[in-house]
C-alpha atoms as a PDB file:
ATOM      1  CA  MET A   1       7.493   3.076  -6.871  1.00  0.00           C
ATOM      2  CA  ILE A   2       4.181   1.197  -7.049  1.00  0.00           C
ATOM      3  CA  LYS A   3       0.889   1.399  -5.188  1.00  0.00           C
ATOM      4  CA  VAL A   4      -0.619  -1.790  -3.755  1.00  0.00           C
ATOM      5  CA  SER A   5      -3.928  -2.182  -1.909  1.00  0.00           C
ATOM      6  CA  VAL A   6      -3.532  -4.332   1.189  1.00  0.00           C
ATOM      7  CA  GLU A   7      -6.213  -5.721   3.531  1.00  0.00           C
ATOM      8  CA  VAL A   8      -5.445  -5.754   7.231  1.00  0.00           C
ATOM      9  CA  ARG A   9      -7.731  -7.950   9.355  1.00  0.00           C
ATOM     10  CA  GLU A  10      -8.087  -8.382  13.081  1.00  0.00           C
ATOM     11  CA  GLY A  11     -11.032 -10.584  13.969  1.00  0.00           C
ATOM     12  CA  ASP A  12     -14.072  -9.139  12.176  1.00  0.00           C
ATOM     13  CA  ALA A  13     -12.430  -5.717  11.694  1.00  0.00           C
ATOM     14  CA  LEU A  14     -11.149  -5.117   8.168  1.00  0.00           C
ATOM     15  CA  LEU A  15      -9.040  -2.167   7.041  1.00  0.00           C
ATOM     16  CA  GLU A  16      -7.871  -1.608   3.485  1.00  0.00           C
ATOM     17  CA  VAL A  17      -4.834   0.592   2.983  1.00  0.00           C
ATOM     18  CA  ALA A  18      -2.788   1.747   0.019  1.00  0.00           C
ATOM     19  CA  VAL A  19       0.935   1.139   0.378  1.00  0.00           C
ATOM     20  CA  TYR A  20       3.584   2.781  -1.798  1.00  0.00           C
ATOM     21  CA  ALA A  21       6.790   0.753  -2.116  1.00  0.00           C
ATOM     22  CA  ASP A  22       9.362  -0.481  -4.622  1.00  0.00           C
ATOM     23  CA  ASN A  23       7.691  -3.899  -4.986  1.00  0.00           C
ATOM     24  CA  ILE A  24       4.782  -6.001  -3.713  1.00  0.00           C
ATOM     25  CA  SER A  25       6.867  -7.881  -1.136  1.00  0.00           C
ATOM     26  CA  GLN A  26       8.110  -4.629   0.347  1.00  0.00           C
ATOM     27  CA  ALA A  27       4.537  -3.271   0.467  1.00  0.00           C
ATOM     28  CA  VAL A  28       3.367  -6.327   2.427  1.00  0.00           C
ATOM     29  CA  GLY A  29       6.357  -5.997   4.756  1.00  0.00           C
ATOM     30  CA  ILE A  30       5.562  -2.337   5.423  1.00  0.00           C
ATOM     31  CA  ALA A  31       1.940  -3.189   6.221  1.00  0.00           C
ATOM     32  CA  ARG A  32       2.991  -6.045   8.534  1.00  0.00           C
ATOM     33  CA  GLY A  33       5.384  -3.682  10.303  1.00  0.00           C
ATOM     34  CA  GLN A  34       2.632  -1.113  10.828  1.00  0.00           C
ATOM     35  CA  PHE A  35       0.032  -3.688  11.896  1.00  0.00           C
ATOM     36  CA  PRO A  36       1.850  -6.424  13.839  1.00  0.00           C
ATOM     37  CA  ASP A  37      -0.165  -9.470  14.930  1.00  0.00           C
ATOM     38  CA  ARG A  38      -2.803  -8.848  12.247  1.00  0.00           C
ATOM     39  CA  ALA A  39      -3.500 -10.763   9.047  1.00  0.00           C
ATOM     40  CA  VAL A  40      -2.211  -8.873   5.989  1.00  0.00           C
ATOM     41  CA  ARG A  41      -2.901  -9.761   2.367  1.00  0.00           C
ATOM     42  CA  VAL A  42      -2.655  -8.099  -1.040  1.00  0.00           C
ATOM     43  CA  VAL A  43      -5.994  -7.231  -2.636  1.00  0.00           C
ATOM     44  CA  PHE A  44      -6.357  -8.978  -6.011  1.00  0.00           C
ATOM     45  CA  PRO A  45      -6.853  -8.365  -8.839  1.00  0.00           C
ATOM     46  CA  ILE A  46      -4.281  -5.582  -8.920  1.00  0.00           C
ATOM     47  CA  ASP A  47      -5.493  -2.639 -11.006  1.00  0.00           C
ATOM     48  CA  GLY A  48      -2.682  -1.912 -13.483  1.00  0.00           C
ATOM     49  CA  GLU A  49      -3.514   1.781 -13.785  1.00  0.00           C
ATOM     50  CA  GLU A  50      -3.524   2.213 -10.002  1.00  0.00           C
ATOM     51  CA  PHE A  51      -0.450  -0.037  -9.632  1.00  0.00           C
ATOM     52  CA  PHE A  52       1.743   1.951 -12.038  1.00  0.00           C
ATOM     53  CA  GLY A  53      -0.200   5.152 -12.683  1.00  0.00           C
ATOM     54  CA  GLY A  54      -1.058   8.238 -10.722  1.00  0.00           C
ATOM     55  CA  LEU A  55       2.406   8.718  -9.293  1.00  0.00           C
ATOM     56  CA  GLU A  56       3.724  12.242  -9.713  1.00  0.00           C
ATOM     57  CA  THR A  57       7.042  12.628 -11.463  1.00  0.00           C
ATOM     58  CA  GLU A  58      10.049  14.711 -10.491  1.00  0.00           C
ATOM     59  CA  GLY A  59       9.237  18.366 -11.031  1.00  0.00           C
ATOM     60  CA  ASP A  60       5.498  17.824 -10.535  1.00  0.00           C
ATOM     61  CA  GLY A  61       5.683  18.213  -6.766  1.00  0.00           C
ATOM     62  CA  ALA A  62       6.645  14.583  -6.226  1.00  0.00           C
ATOM     63  CA  LYS A  63       7.403  13.366  -2.739  1.00  0.00           C
ATOM     64  CA  ASP A  64      10.703  11.727  -1.840  1.00  0.00           C
ATOM     65  CA  SER A  65      10.299   8.333  -3.498  1.00  0.00           C
ATOM     66  CA  SER A  66      13.226   6.806  -1.617  1.00  0.00           C
ATOM     67  CA  GLN A  67      11.021   6.324   1.456  1.00  0.00           C
ATOM     68  CA  PRO A  68       8.122   3.797   1.269  1.00  0.00           C
ATOM     69  CA  THR A  69       4.894   5.078   2.773  1.00  0.00           C
ATOM     70  CA  LEU A  70       1.705   3.595   4.177  1.00  0.00           C
ATOM     71  CA  LEU A  71      -1.457   5.518   3.380  1.00  0.00           C
ATOM     72  CA  PRO A  72      -4.904   4.710   4.813  1.00  0.00           C
ATOM     73  CA  ASP A  73      -7.276   4.185   1.907  1.00  0.00           C
ATOM     74  CA  ARG A  74     -10.637   3.170   3.361  1.00  0.00           C
ATOM     75  CA  VAL A  75     -12.168   1.322   6.252  1.00  0.00           C
ATOM     76  CA  ARG A  76     -14.886  -1.274   5.844  1.00  0.00           C
END
């Protein structure tokens, strides 16, 4: 499971969200599914520590990693 920052744009409105998924393509697909008819793009450069790190492991109170999730990160 990885974490990818994704920008969602509709006109002048810009929303940046963190998406947890198995890969970058899946993360973009999740964001597009949640925000249809809006422009979605991955935020580059990808921070390696954020991309791979910070995920809890089994036994540390980890969530069910079999289900990708979309998490609001910040709004600009």
